[in-house]
Amino acid sequence: MGDPPHTPSNYARRLLLALDYGSLFATGGNRYTGAMLDEAQFRRQSDNALESLKQALIAAEDASGSFEFEDNNGVMNVIFENGSSKFVVTPNTPVRQIWISAQSTSYKLEWSETAGAFVLPRTGEALIPLTGRLLREHLGDPSIQLV
């Protein structure tokens, strides 16, 4: 079992966590990619990234026929043949991320100035390659390519 809630070591851990969290936002950035985009920059970059993803998904939808793509006011849905599951891709302006909900997991992509793209910090995958990988895994179809 862990420490009781009010022991010195548990208190110190919570304090360090709070300080780390606070410093993350006090600097106006994030720990993975540097300075956070302002809202106008985020909207411009996310609109461009999502439009590119949209075009890639439309082309892949026509080629594969195993999913359907819908765009509803900036919320992208990839709906699979059986209708029992879907992927959802949305911009999240307050935190300056693009979120993908897929395979019971939330993937939170952040802007990388170095890559010039929204990337998943833990793997470095950009939006289109990550979405392509998730589609291939979900459908078990290695031929699906997003370009």
C-alpha atoms as a PDB file:
ATOM      1  CA  MET A   1       0.000   0.000   0.000  1.00  0.00           C
ATOM      2  CA  GLY A   2       1.068   3.566  -0.531  1.00  0.00           C
ATOM      3  CA  ASP A   3       1.658   6.279   2.016  1.00  0.00           C
ATOM      4  CA  PRO A   4      -1.330   7.605   3.957  1.00  0.00           C
ATOM      5  CA  PRO A   5      -2.649  10.796   2.349  1.00  0.00           C
ATOM      6  CA  HIS A   6      -1.030  13.257   4.760  1.00  0.00           C
ATOM      7  CA  THR A   7       2.437  11.812   5.314  1.00  0.00           C
ATOM      8  CA  PRO A   8       5.404  14.028   4.473  1.00  0.00           C
ATOM      9  CA  SER A   9       6.473  11.909   1.491  1.00  0.00           C
ATOM     10  CA  ASN A  10       2.990  11.923  -0.057  1.00  0.00           C
ATOM     11  CA  TYR A  11       2.685  15.663   0.569  1.00  0.00           C
ATOM     12  CA  ALA A  12       6.060  16.259  -1.107  1.00  0.00           C
ATOM     13  CA  ARG A  13       5.039  14.205  -4.152  1.00  0.00           C
ATOM     14  CA  ARG A  14       1.791  16.155  -4.535  1.00  0.00           C
ATOM     15  CA  LEU A  15       3.638  19.456  -4.128  1.00  0.00           C
ATOM     16  CA  LEU A  16       6.228  18.549  -6.756  1.00  0.00           C
ATOM     17  CA  LEU A  17       3.486  17.449  -9.127  1.00  0.00           C
ATOM     18  CA  ALA A  18       1.617  20.729  -8.589  1.00  0.00           C
ATOM     19  CA  LEU A  19       4.804  22.754  -9.133  1.00  0.00           C
ATOM     20  CA  ASP A  20       5.597  20.835 -12.319  1.00  0.00           C
ATOM     21  CA  TYR A  21       2.030  21.339 -13.573  1.00  0.00           C
ATOM     22  CA  GLY A  22       2.110  25.025 -12.653  1.00  0.00           C
ATOM     23  CA  SER A  23       5.460  25.630 -14.335  1.00  0.00           C
ATOM     24  CA  LEU A  24       4.160  24.009 -17.486  1.00  0.00           C
ATOM     25  CA  PHE A  25       1.529  26.710 -17.872  1.00  0.00           C
ATOM     26  CA  ALA A  26       3.449  29.575 -16.293  1.00  0.00           C
ATOM     27  CA  THR A  27       5.955  29.362 -19.130  1.00  0.00           C
ATOM     28  CA  GLY A  28       3.194  29.418 -21.746  1.00  0.00           C
ATOM     29  CA  GLY A  29       4.426  26.167 -23.223  1.00  0.00           C
ATOM     30  CA  ASN A  30       4.393  22.463 -22.907  1.00  0.00           C
ATOM     31  CA  ARG A  31       7.068  19.982 -22.004  1.00  0.00           C
ATOM     32  CA  TYR A  32       7.190  18.330 -25.422  1.00  0.00           C
ATOM     33  CA  THR A  33       7.265  20.916 -28.133  1.00  0.00           C
ATOM     34  CA  GLY A  34       8.196  24.300 -26.702  1.00  0.00           C
ATOM     35  CA  ALA A  35       6.075  27.454 -26.700  1.00  0.00           C
ATOM     36  CA  MET A  36       2.341  27.090 -27.054  1.00  0.00           C
ATOM     37  CA  LEU A  37       0.780  28.613 -30.172  1.00  0.00           C
ATOM     38  CA  ASP A  38      -1.511  31.556 -29.621  1.00  0.00           C
ATOM     39  CA  GLU A  39      -5.161  30.951 -30.530  1.00  0.00           C
ATOM     40  CA  ALA A  40      -4.978  32.443 -34.031  1.00  0.00           C
ATOM     41  CA  GLN A  41      -1.830  30.449 -34.863  1.00  0.00           C
ATOM     42  CA  PHE A  42      -3.408  27.267 -33.494  1.00  0.00           C
ATOM     43  CA  ARG A  43      -6.562  27.744 -35.555  1.00  0.00           C
ATOM     44  CA  ARG A  44      -4.541  28.368 -38.708  1.00  0.00           C
ATOM     45  CA  GLN A  45      -2.238  25.380 -38.186  1.00  0.00           C
ATOM     46  CA  SER A  46      -5.002  23.020 -37.036  1.00  0.00           C
ATOM     47  CA  ASP A  47      -7.293  24.058 -39.918  1.00  0.00           C
ATOM     48  CA  ASN A  48      -4.498  23.295 -42.404  1.00  0.00           C
ATOM     49  CA  ALA A  49      -3.630  19.974 -40.745  1.00  0.00           C
ATOM     50  CA  LEU A  50      -7.255  18.874 -40.508  1.00  0.00           C
ATOM     51  CA  GLU A  51      -7.979  19.837 -44.123  1.00  0.00           C
ATOM     52  CA  SER A  52      -5.022  17.725 -45.258  1.00  0.00           C
ATOM     53  CA  LEU A  53      -6.264  14.831 -43.124  1.00  0.00           C
ATOM     54  CA  LYS A  54      -9.761  15.261 -44.529  1.00  0.00           C
ATOM     55  CA  GLN A  55      -8.502  15.000 -48.119  1.00  0.00           C
ATOM     56  CA  ALA A  56      -6.400  11.930 -47.252  1.00  0.00           C
ATOM     57  CA  LEU A  57      -9.374  10.249 -45.542  1.00  0.00           C
ATOM     58  CA  ILE A  58     -11.704  10.959 -48.466  1.00  0.00           C
ATOM     59  CA  ALA A  59      -9.215   9.377 -50.892  1.00  0.00           C
ATOM     60  CA  ALA A  60      -8.712   6.349 -48.610  1.00  0.00           C
ATOM     61  CA  GLU A  61     -12.471   6.001 -48.099  1.00  0.00           C
ATOM     62  CA  ASP A  62     -12.993   5.777 -51.859  1.00  0.00           C
ATOM     63  CA  ALA A  63     -10.151   3.270 -52.231  1.00  0.00           C
ATOM     64  CA  SER A  64     -10.972   0.960 -49.316  1.00  0.00           C
ATOM     65  CA  GLY A  65     -14.740   1.063 -48.923  1.00  0.00           C
ATOM     66  CA  SER A  66     -14.374  -0.273 -45.365  1.00  0.00           C
ATOM     67  CA  PHE A  67     -15.142   3.009 -43.608  1.00  0.00           C
ATOM     68  CA  GLU A  68     -17.086   6.207 -44.129  1.00  0.00           C
ATOM     69  CA  PHE A  69     -15.791   9.699 -43.447  1.00  0.00           C
ATOM     70  CA  GLU A  70     -17.968  12.554 -42.153  1.00  0.00           C
ATOM     71  CA  ASP A  71     -17.041  16.124 -41.288  1.00  0.00           C
ATOM     72  CA  ASN A  72     -19.550  17.836 -38.980  1.00  0.00           C
ATOM     73  CA  ASN A  73     -18.576  21.433 -38.209  1.00  0.00           C
ATOM     74  CA  GLY A  74     -14.925  20.628 -37.602  1.00  0.00           C
ATOM     75  CA  VAL A  75     -15.527  17.292 -35.890  1.00  0.00           C
ATOM     76  CA  MET A  76     -14.295  14.483 -38.133  1.00  0.00           C
ATOM     77  CA  ASN A  77     -15.818  11.029 -37.789  1.00  0.00           C
ATOM     78  CA  VAL A  78     -14.508   7.847 -39.340  1.00  0.00           C
ATOM     79  CA  ILE A  79     -17.333   5.327 -39.125  1.00  0.00           C
ATOM     80  CA  PHE A  80     -16.644   1.673 -39.795  1.00  0.00           C
ATOM     81  CA  GLU A  81     -18.807  -0.674 -41.872  1.00  0.00           C
ATOM     82  CA  ASN A  82     -20.391  -2.487 -38.966  1.00  0.00           C
ATOM     83  CA  GLY A  83     -21.334   0.836 -37.345  1.00  0.00           C
ATOM     84  CA  SER A  84     -20.216  -0.391 -33.947  1.00  0.00           C
ATOM     85  CA  SER A  85     -17.140   1.794 -33.723  1.00  0.00           C
ATOM     86  CA  LYS A  86     -15.746   5.062 -34.979  1.00  0.00           C
ATOM     87  CA  PHE A  87     -12.769   7.352 -34.713  1.00  0.00           C
ATOM     88  CA  VAL A  88     -13.310  11.008 -33.818  1.00  0.00           C
ATOM     89  CA  VAL A  89     -10.796  13.759 -34.645  1.00  0.00           C
ATOM     90  CA  THR A  90     -11.281  17.214 -33.128  1.00  0.00           C
ATOM     91  CA  PRO A  91      -9.251  20.333 -32.487  1.00  0.00           C
ATOM     92  CA  ASN A  92      -9.087  21.326 -28.816  1.00  0.00           C
ATOM     93  CA  THR A  93      -8.348  25.044 -28.867  1.00  0.00           C
ATOM     94  CA  PRO A  94      -7.991  25.717 -25.101  1.00  0.00           C
ATOM     95  CA  VAL A  95      -5.061  23.289 -24.825  1.00  0.00           C
ATOM     96  CA  ARG A  96      -3.856  23.796 -28.437  1.00  0.00           C
ATOM     97  CA  GLN A  97      -4.042  20.115 -29.326  1.00  0.00           C
ATOM     98  CA  ILE A  98      -5.701  17.903 -31.901  1.00  0.00           C
ATOM     99  CA  TRP A  99      -7.375  14.933 -30.280  1.00  0.00           C
ATOM    100  CA  ILE A 100      -8.045  11.565 -31.880  1.00  0.00           C
ATOM    101  CA  SER A 101     -10.383   9.214 -30.073  1.00  0.00           C
ATOM    102  CA  ALA A 102      -9.751   5.737 -31.467  1.00  0.00           C
ATOM    103  CA  GLN A 103      -9.564   2.168 -30.218  1.00  0.00           C
ATOM    104  CA  SER A 104     -10.685   3.172 -26.688  1.00  0.00           C
ATOM    105  CA  THR A 105      -7.736   5.574 -26.449  1.00  0.00           C
ATOM    106  CA  SER A 106      -7.352   9.336 -26.620  1.00  0.00           C
ATOM    107  CA  TYR A 107      -4.374  10.502 -28.685  1.00  0.00           C
ATOM    108  CA  LYS A 108      -3.439  14.128 -27.964  1.00  0.00           C
ATOM    109  CA  LEU A 109      -1.275  15.683 -30.650  1.00  0.00           C
ATOM    110  CA  GLU A 110       0.676  18.855 -29.991  1.00  0.00           C
ATOM    111  CA  TRP A 111       2.218  21.350 -32.379  1.00  0.00           C
ATOM    112  CA  SER A 112       5.902  20.751 -33.011  1.00  0.00           C
ATOM    113  CA  GLU A 113       7.713  23.703 -34.487  1.00  0.00           C
ATOM    114  CA  THR A 114      10.612  21.405 -35.375  1.00  0.00           C
ATOM    115  CA  ALA A 115       8.401  18.991 -37.335  1.00  0.00           C
ATOM    116  CA  GLY A 116       6.091  21.741 -38.618  1.00  0.00           C
ATOM    117  CA  ALA A 117       3.174  19.450 -37.732  1.00  0.00           C
ATOM    118  CA  PHE A 118       0.939  18.196 -34.963  1.00  0.00           C
ATOM    119  CA  VAL A 119       2.658  15.173 -33.423  1.00  0.00           C
ATOM    120  CA  LEU A 120       1.975  12.602 -30.739  1.00  0.00           C
ATOM    121  CA  PRO A 121       4.671  13.445 -28.163  1.00  0.00           C
ATOM    122  CA  ARG A 122       5.297   9.887 -27.000  1.00  0.00           C
ATOM    123  CA  THR A 123       5.951   8.483 -30.505  1.00  0.00           C
ATOM    124  CA  GLY A 124       6.709  11.537 -32.647  1.00  0.00           C
ATOM    125  CA  GLU A 125       4.086  10.431 -35.196  1.00  0.00           C
ATOM    126  CA  ALA A 126       2.421  13.243 -37.131  1.00  0.00           C
ATOM    127  CA  LEU A 127      -1.361  13.468 -37.606  1.00  0.00           C
ATOM    128  CA  ILE A 128      -1.727  11.747 -41.000  1.00  0.00           C
ATOM    129  CA  PRO A 129       0.761   8.892 -40.400  1.00  0.00           C
ATOM    130  CA  LEU A 130      -0.752   8.225 -36.953  1.00  0.00           C
ATOM    131  CA  THR A 131      -4.297   8.179 -38.330  1.00  0.00           C
ATOM    132  CA  GLY A 132      -3.199   5.842 -41.133  1.00  0.00           C
ATOM    133  CA  ARG A 133      -1.578   3.471 -38.638  1.00  0.00           C
ATOM    134  CA  LEU A 134      -4.696   3.463 -36.453  1.00  0.00           C
ATOM    135  CA  LEU A 135      -6.890   2.687 -39.474  1.00  0.00           C
ATOM    136  CA  ARG A 136      -4.622  -0.165 -40.580  1.00  0.00           C
ATOM    137  CA  GLU A 137      -4.588  -1.634 -37.071  1.00  0.00           C
ATOM    138  CA  HIS A 138      -8.336  -1.307 -36.583  1.00  0.00           C
ATOM    139  CA  LEU A 139      -9.265  -2.750 -39.950  1.00  0.00           C
ATOM    140  CA  GLY A 140      -6.421  -5.272 -40.126  1.00  0.00           C
ATOM    141  CA  ASP A 141      -5.695  -3.971 -43.611  1.00  0.00           C
ATOM    142  CA  PRO A 142      -2.028  -3.136 -44.270  1.00  0.00           C
ATOM    143  CA  SER A 143      -2.889  -1.706 -47.701  1.00  0.00           C
ATOM    144  CA  ILE A 144      -4.606   1.429 -46.313  1.00  0.00           C
ATOM    145  CA  GLN A 145      -2.399   4.441 -46.905  1.00  0.00           C
ATOM    146  CA  LEU A 146      -3.162   8.077 -46.148  1.00  0.00           C
ATOM    147  CA  VAL A 147      -1.329  10.487 -48.422  1.00  0.00           C
END
